[in-house]
Amino acid sequence: GTLHLLWSDLLSADDLNVYYRRGQAGA
């Protein structure tokens, strides 16, 4: 049941990041 989540996050026009979370829906 452990979840691994990746997503892209555009903080500004030249600041693209990849974010990661691990756990159970926001742990």
PDB file of all heavy atoms in Angstrom:
ATOM      1  N   GLY A   1       0.786  -1.227   0.000  1.00  0.00           N
ATOM      2  CA  GLY A   1       0.000   0.000   0.000  1.00  0.00           C
ATOM      3  C   GLY A   1       0.815   1.273   0.000  1.00  0.00           C
ATOM      4  O   GLY A   1       0.240   2.367  -0.075  1.00  0.00           O
ATOM      5  N   THR A   2       2.133   1.178   0.086  1.00  0.00           N
ATOM      6  CA  THR A   2       2.966   2.372   0.005  1.00  0.00           C
ATOM      7  C   THR A   2       2.846   2.992  -1.382  1.00  0.00           C
ATOM      8  O   THR A   2       2.938   2.296  -2.390  1.00  0.00           O
ATOM      9  CB  THR A   2       4.444   2.037   0.289  1.00  0.00           C
ATOM     10  OG1 THR A   2       4.544   1.491   1.606  1.00  0.00           O
ATOM     11  CG2 THR A   2       5.309   3.287   0.192  1.00  0.00           C
ATOM     12  N   LEU A   3       2.640   4.302  -1.429  1.00  0.00           N
ATOM     13  CA  LEU A   3       2.462   5.015  -2.688  1.00  0.00           C
ATOM     14  C   LEU A   3       3.681   5.859  -2.995  1.00  0.00           C
ATOM     15  O   LEU A   3       4.281   6.463  -2.100  1.00  0.00           O
ATOM     16  CB  LEU A   3       1.231   5.924  -2.615  1.00  0.00           C
ATOM     17  CG  LEU A   3      -0.102   5.254  -2.317  1.00  0.00           C
ATOM     18  CD1 LEU A   3      -1.201   6.302  -2.220  1.00  0.00           C
ATOM     19  CD2 LEU A   3      -0.435   4.211  -3.369  1.00  0.00           C
ATOM     20  N   HIS A   4       4.046   5.912  -4.282  1.00  0.00           N
ATOM     21  CA  HIS A   4       5.115   6.772  -4.767  1.00  0.00           C
ATOM     22  C   HIS A   4       4.514   7.680  -5.837  1.00  0.00           C
ATOM     23  O   HIS A   4       3.974   7.192  -6.832  1.00  0.00           O
ATOM     24  CB  HIS A   4       6.250   5.938  -5.350  1.00  0.00           C
ATOM     25  CG  HIS A   4       6.857   4.980  -4.383  1.00  0.00           C
ATOM     26  ND1 HIS A   4       7.944   5.292  -3.597  1.00  0.00           N
ATOM     27  CD2 HIS A   4       6.503   3.698  -4.052  1.00  0.00           C
ATOM     28  CE1 HIS A   4       8.254   4.260  -2.833  1.00  0.00           C
ATOM     29  NE2 HIS A   4       7.396   3.279  -3.089  1.00  0.00           N
ATOM     30  N   LEU A   5       4.615   8.978  -5.628  1.00  0.00           N
ATOM     31  CA  LEU A   5       3.988   9.960  -6.506  1.00  0.00           C
ATOM     32  C   LEU A   5       5.032  10.926  -7.041  1.00  0.00           C
ATOM     33  O   LEU A   5       5.835  11.479  -6.280  1.00  0.00           O
ATOM     34  CB  LEU A   5       2.912  10.738  -5.744  1.00  0.00           C
ATOM     35  CG  LEU A   5       2.297  11.944  -6.443  1.00  0.00           C
ATOM     36  CD1 LEU A   5       1.491  11.502  -7.660  1.00  0.00           C
ATOM     37  CD2 LEU A   5       1.416  12.724  -5.474  1.00  0.00           C
ATOM     38  N   LEU A   6       5.031  11.134  -8.353  1.00  0.00           N
ATOM     39  CA  LEU A   6       5.859  12.139  -9.013  1.00  0.00           C
ATOM     40  C   LEU A   6       4.948  13.086  -9.788  1.00  0.00           C
ATOM     41  O   LEU A   6       3.919  12.667 -10.331  1.00  0.00           O
ATOM     42  CB  LEU A   6       6.836  11.493  -9.991  1.00  0.00           C
ATOM     43  CG  LEU A   6       8.010  10.700  -9.419  1.00  0.00           C
ATOM     44  CD1 LEU A   6       8.691   9.928 -10.534  1.00  0.00           C
ATOM     45  CD2 LEU A   6       9.010  11.622  -8.736  1.00  0.00           C
ATOM     46  N   TRP A   7       5.335  14.371  -9.842  1.00  0.00           N
ATOM     47  CA  TRP A   7       4.621  15.303 -10.697  1.00  0.00           C
ATOM     48  C   TRP A   7       5.548  16.453 -11.075  1.00  0.00           C
ATOM     49  O   TRP A   7       6.572  16.686 -10.433  1.00  0.00           O
ATOM     50  CB  TRP A   7       3.351  15.817 -10.030  1.00  0.00           C
ATOM     51  CG  TRP A   7       3.560  16.805  -8.908  1.00  0.00           C
ATOM     52  CD1 TRP A   7       3.612  18.173  -9.006  1.00  0.00           C
ATOM     53  CD2 TRP A   7       3.729  16.503  -7.519  1.00  0.00           C
ATOM     54  NE1 TRP A   7       3.798  18.735  -7.771  1.00  0.00           N
ATOM     55  CE2 TRP A   7       3.872  17.727  -6.826  1.00  0.00           C
ATOM     56  CE3 TRP A   7       3.757  15.318  -6.785  1.00  0.00           C
ATOM     57  CZ2 TRP A   7       4.058  17.803  -5.453  1.00  0.00           C
ATOM     58  CZ3 TRP A   7       3.945  15.388  -5.413  1.00  0.00           C
ATOM     59  CH2 TRP A   7       4.084  16.611  -4.761  1.00  0.00           C
ATOM     60  N   SER A   8       5.203  17.174 -12.138  1.00  0.00           N
ATOM     61  CA  SER A   8       5.966  18.348 -12.541  1.00  0.00           C
ATOM     62  C   SER A   8       5.324  19.586 -11.957  1.00  0.00           C
ATOM     63  O   SER A   8       4.102  19.652 -11.784  1.00  0.00           O
ATOM     64  CB  SER A   8       6.044  18.455 -14.069  1.00  0.00           C
ATOM     65  OG  SER A   8       4.751  18.619 -14.620  1.00  0.00           O
ATOM     66  N   ASP A   9       6.167  20.573 -11.648  1.00  0.00           N
ATOM     67  CA  ASP A   9       5.680  21.785 -10.998  1.00  0.00           C
ATOM     68  C   ASP A   9       6.368  22.988 -11.635  1.00  0.00           C
ATOM     69  O   ASP A   9       7.588  23.120 -11.565  1.00  0.00           O
ATOM     70  CB  ASP A   9       5.969  21.739  -9.499  1.00  0.00           C
ATOM     71  CG  ASP A   9       4.937  22.509  -8.703  1.00  0.00           C
ATOM     72  OD1 ASP A   9       4.906  23.742  -8.848  1.00  0.00           O
ATOM     73  OD2 ASP A   9       4.166  21.889  -7.953  1.00  0.00           O
ATOM     74  N   LEU A  10       5.578  23.849 -12.262  1.00  0.00           N
ATOM     75  CA  LEU A  10       6.106  25.021 -12.944  1.00  0.00           C
ATOM     76  C   LEU A  10       5.951  26.224 -12.018  1.00  0.00           C
ATOM     77  O   LEU A  10       4.889  26.846 -11.947  1.00  0.00           O
ATOM     78  CB  LEU A  10       5.358  25.251 -14.251  1.00  0.00           C
ATOM     79  CG  LEU A  10       5.896  26.355 -15.163  1.00  0.00           C
ATOM     80  CD1 LEU A  10       7.324  26.033 -15.608  1.00  0.00           C
ATOM     81  CD2 LEU A  10       4.983  26.531 -16.364  1.00  0.00           C
ATOM     82  N   LEU A  11       7.033  26.545 -11.299  1.00  0.00           N
ATOM     83  CA  LEU A  11       7.001  27.669 -10.357  1.00  0.00           C
ATOM     84  C   LEU A  11       7.092  29.006 -11.079  1.00  0.00           C
ATOM     85  O   LEU A  11       6.570  30.014 -10.609  1.00  0.00           O
ATOM     86  CB  LEU A  11       8.131  27.530  -9.346  1.00  0.00           C
ATOM     87  CG  LEU A  11       8.071  26.267  -8.471  1.00  0.00           C
ATOM     88  CD1 LEU A  11       9.273  26.213  -7.542  1.00  0.00           C
ATOM     89  CD2 LEU A  11       6.779  26.226  -7.667  1.00  0.00           C
ATOM     90  N   SER A  12       7.786  29.038 -12.212  1.00  0.00           N
ATOM     91  CA  SER A  12       7.855  30.220 -13.062  1.00  0.00           C
ATOM     92  C   SER A  12       8.208  29.754 -14.467  1.00  0.00           C
ATOM     93  O   SER A  12       8.411  28.562 -14.705  1.00  0.00           O
ATOM     94  CB  SER A  12       8.891  31.216 -12.537  1.00  0.00           C
ATOM     95  OG  SER A  12      10.200  30.675 -12.646  1.00  0.00           O
ATOM     96  N   ALA A  13       8.322  30.690 -15.404  1.00  0.00           N
ATOM     97  CA  ALA A  13       8.556  30.323 -16.801  1.00  0.00           C
ATOM     98  C   ALA A  13       9.854  29.557 -16.995  1.00  0.00           C
ATOM     99  O   ALA A  13       9.966  28.753 -17.928  1.00  0.00           O
ATOM    100  CB  ALA A  13       8.553  31.578 -17.666  1.00  0.00           C
ATOM    101  N   ASP A  14      10.843  29.780 -16.147  1.00  0.00           N
ATOM    102  CA  ASP A  14      12.137  29.096 -16.292  1.00  0.00           C
ATOM    103  C   ASP A  14      12.502  28.283 -15.053  1.00  0.00           C
ATOM    104  O   ASP A  14      13.669  28.049 -14.785  1.00  0.00           O
ATOM    105  CB  ASP A  14      13.247  30.107 -16.594  1.00  0.00           C
ATOM    106  CG  ASP A  14      13.368  31.183 -15.525  1.00  0.00           C
ATOM    107  OD1 ASP A  14      12.513  31.199 -14.614  1.00  0.00           O
ATOM    108  OD2 ASP A  14      14.309  31.997 -15.602  1.00  0.00           O
ATOM    109  N   ASP A  15      11.503  27.865 -14.288  1.00  0.00           N
ATOM    110  CA  ASP A  15      11.754  27.122 -13.043  1.00  0.00           C
ATOM    111  C   ASP A  15      10.838  25.910 -12.977  1.00  0.00           C
ATOM    112  O   ASP A  15       9.830  25.902 -12.278  1.00  0.00           O
ATOM    113  CB  ASP A  15      11.538  28.032 -11.838  1.00  0.00           C
ATOM    114  CG  ASP A  15      11.997  27.380 -10.525  1.00  0.00           C
ATOM    115  OD1 ASP A  15      12.668  26.323 -10.596  1.00  0.00           O
ATOM    116  OD2 ASP A  15      11.686  27.914  -9.448  1.00  0.00           O
ATOM    117  N   LEU A  16      11.192  24.866 -13.747  1.00  0.00           N
ATOM    118  CA  LEU A  16      10.420  23.621 -13.770  1.00  0.00           C
ATOM    119  C   LEU A  16      11.076  22.610 -12.844  1.00  0.00           C
ATOM    120  O   LEU A  16      12.283  22.377 -12.912  1.00  0.00           O
ATOM    121  CB  LEU A  16      10.360  23.074 -15.198  1.00  0.00           C
ATOM    122  CG  LEU A  16       9.622  21.747 -15.373  1.00  0.00           C
ATOM    123  CD1 LEU A  16       8.143  21.906 -15.045  1.00  0.00           C
ATOM    124  CD2 LEU A  16       9.799  21.229 -16.797  1.00  0.00           C
ATOM    125  N   ASN A  17      10.286  22.007 -11.959  1.00  0.00           N
ATOM    126  CA  ASN A  17      10.784  21.041 -10.991  1.00  0.00           C
ATOM    127  C   ASN A  17       9.997  19.745 -11.079  1.00  0.00           C
ATOM    128  O   ASN A  17       8.876  19.714 -11.601  1.00  0.00           O
ATOM    129  CB  ASN A  17      10.647  21.590  -9.567  1.00  0.00           C
ATOM    130  CG  ASN A  17      11.451  22.850  -9.347  1.00  0.00           C
ATOM    131  OD1 ASN A  17      12.604  22.798  -8.946  1.00  0.00           O
ATOM    132  ND2 ASN A  17      10.846  24.005  -9.609  1.00  0.00           N
ATOM    133  N   VAL A  18      10.602  18.683 -10.565  1.00  0.00           N
ATOM    134  CA  VAL A  18       9.889  17.432 -10.352  1.00  0.00           C
ATOM    135  C   VAL A  18       9.777  17.215  -8.849  1.00  0.00           C
ATOM    136  O   VAL A  18      10.776  17.308  -8.128  1.00  0.00           O
ATOM    137  CB  VAL A  18      10.623  16.248 -11.012  1.00  0.00           C
ATOM    138  CG1 VAL A  18       9.961  14.932 -10.611  1.00  0.00           C
ATOM    139  CG2 VAL A  18      10.612  16.391 -12.526  1.00  0.00           C
ATOM    140  N   TYR A  19       8.563  16.959  -8.382  1.00  0.00           N
ATOM    141  CA  TYR A  19       8.328  16.722  -6.962  1.00  0.00           C
ATOM    142  C   TYR A  19       8.000  15.248  -6.725  1.00  0.00           C
ATOM    143  O   TYR A  19       7.446  14.571  -7.594  1.00  0.00           O
ATOM    144  CB  TYR A  19       7.156  17.575  -6.469  1.00  0.00           C
ATOM    145  CG  TYR A  19       7.529  18.985  -6.093  1.00  0.00           C
ATOM    146  CD1 TYR A  19       7.971  19.894  -7.050  1.00  0.00           C
ATOM    147  CD2 TYR A  19       7.420  19.428  -4.774  1.00  0.00           C
ATOM    148  CE1 TYR A  19       8.300  21.192  -6.718  1.00  0.00           C
ATOM    149  CE2 TYR A  19       7.748  20.727  -4.430  1.00  0.00           C
ATOM    150  CZ  TYR A  19       8.183  21.598  -5.401  1.00  0.00           C
ATOM    151  OH  TYR A  19       8.508  22.882  -5.063  1.00  0.00           O
ATOM    152  N   TYR A  20       8.316  14.790  -5.526  1.00  0.00           N
ATOM    153  CA  TYR A  20       8.098  13.388  -5.147  1.00  0.00           C
ATOM    154  C   TYR A  20       7.490  13.318  -3.756  1.00  0.00           C
ATOM    155  O   TYR A  20       7.894  14.057  -2.854  1.00  0.00           O
ATOM    156  CB  TYR A  20       9.434  12.641  -5.156  1.00  0.00           C
ATOM    157  CG  TYR A  20       9.400  11.269  -4.500  1.00  0.00           C
ATOM    158  CD1 TYR A  20       8.820  10.175  -5.151  1.00  0.00           C
ATOM    159  CD2 TYR A  20       9.945  11.071  -3.233  1.00  0.00           C
ATOM    160  CE1 TYR A  20       8.795   8.932  -4.552  1.00  0.00           C
ATOM    161  CE2 TYR A  20       9.927   9.829  -2.627  1.00  0.00           C
ATOM    162  CZ  TYR A  20       9.353   8.752  -3.288  1.00  0.00           C
ATOM    163  OH  TYR A  20       9.331   7.519  -2.688  1.00  0.00           O
ATOM    164  N   ARG A  21       6.530  12.414  -3.584  1.00  0.00           N
ATOM    165  CA  ARG A  21       5.988  12.110  -2.255  1.00  0.00           C
ATOM    166  C   ARG A  21       5.900  10.602  -2.108  1.00  0.00           C
ATOM    167  O   ARG A  21       5.596   9.887  -3.056  1.00  0.00           O
ATOM    168  CB  ARG A  21       4.598  12.723  -2.041  1.00  0.00           C
ATOM    169  CG  ARG A  21       4.597  14.217  -1.991  1.00  0.00           C
ATOM    170  CD  ARG A  21       3.266  14.781  -1.522  1.00  0.00           C
ATOM    171  NE  ARG A  21       3.207  14.803  -0.082  1.00  0.00           N
ATOM    172  CZ  ARG A  21       2.479  15.689   0.617  1.00  0.00           C
ATOM    173  NH1 ARG A  21       1.773  16.601  -0.002  1.00  0.00           N
ATOM    174  NH2 ARG A  21       2.462  15.649   1.931  1.00  0.00           N
ATOM    175  N   ARG A  22       6.135  10.155  -0.889  1.00  0.00           N
ATOM    176  CA  ARG A  22       6.048   8.732  -0.566  1.00  0.00           C
ATOM    177  C   ARG A  22       5.226   8.577   0.700  1.00  0.00           C
ATOM    178  O   ARG A  22       5.418   9.305   1.664  1.00  0.00           O
ATOM    179  CB  ARG A  22       7.447   8.148  -0.352  1.00  0.00           C
ATOM    180  CG  ARG A  22       7.471   6.685   0.072  1.00  0.00           C
ATOM    181  CD  ARG A  22       8.912   6.221   0.280  1.00  0.00           C
ATOM    182  NE  ARG A  22       9.013   4.813   0.627  1.00  0.00           N
ATOM    183  CZ  ARG A  22       8.897   4.337   1.851  1.00  0.00           C
ATOM    184  NH1 ARG A  22       8.705   5.158   2.884  1.00  0.00           N
ATOM    185  NH2 ARG A  22       8.987   3.031   2.065  1.00  0.00           N
ATOM    186  N   GLY A  23       4.313   7.630   0.702  1.00  0.00           N
ATOM    187  CA  GLY A  23       3.497   7.416   1.896  1.00  0.00           C
ATOM    188  C   GLY A  23       2.065   7.089   1.523  1.00  0.00           C
ATOM    189  O   GLY A  23       1.791   6.573   0.439  1.00  0.00           O
ATOM    190  N   GLN A  24       1.167   7.442   2.431  1.00  0.00           N
ATOM    191  CA  GLN A  24      -0.252   7.175   2.238  1.00  0.00           C
ATOM    192  C   GLN A  24      -1.002   8.491   2.149  1.00  0.00           C
ATOM    193  O   GLN A  24      -1.349   9.096   3.151  1.00  0.00           O
ATOM    194  CB  GLN A  24      -0.795   6.336   3.404  1.00  0.00           C
ATOM    195  CG  GLN A  24      -0.178   4.959   3.525  1.00  0.00           C
ATOM    196  CD  GLN A  24      -0.756   3.976   2.535  1.00  0.00           C
ATOM    197  OE1 GLN A  24      -1.772   4.248   1.912  1.00  0.00           O
ATOM    198  NE2 GLN A  24      -0.109   2.838   2.368  1.00  0.00           N
ATOM    199  N   ALA A  25      -1.189   8.984   0.931  1.00  0.00           N
ATOM    200  CA  ALA A  25      -2.002  10.183   0.678  1.00  0.00           C
ATOM    201  C   ALA A  25      -1.580  11.369   1.521  1.00  0.00           C
ATOM    202  O   ALA A  25      -2.370  11.943   2.253  1.00  0.00           O
ATOM    203  CB  ALA A  25      -3.484   9.877   0.907  1.00  0.00           C
ATOM    204  N   GLY A  26      -0.314  11.715   1.452  1.00  0.00           N
ATOM    205  CA  GLY A  26       0.117  12.956   2.093  1.00  0.00           C
ATOM    206  C   GLY A  26       0.792  12.754   3.423  1.00  0.00           C
ATOM    207  O   GLY A  26       0.717  13.624   4.293  1.00  0.00           O
ATOM    208  N   ALA A  27       1.481  11.634   3.626  1.00  0.00           N
ATOM    209  CA  ALA A  27       2.106  11.354   4.916  1.00  0.00           C
ATOM    210  C   ALA A  27       3.486  11.964   5.063  1.00  0.00           C
ATOM    211  O   ALA A  27       4.037  11.988   6.142  1.00  0.00           O
ATOM    212  CB  ALA A  27       2.187   9.854   5.149  1.00  0.00           C
TER     213      ALA A  27
END
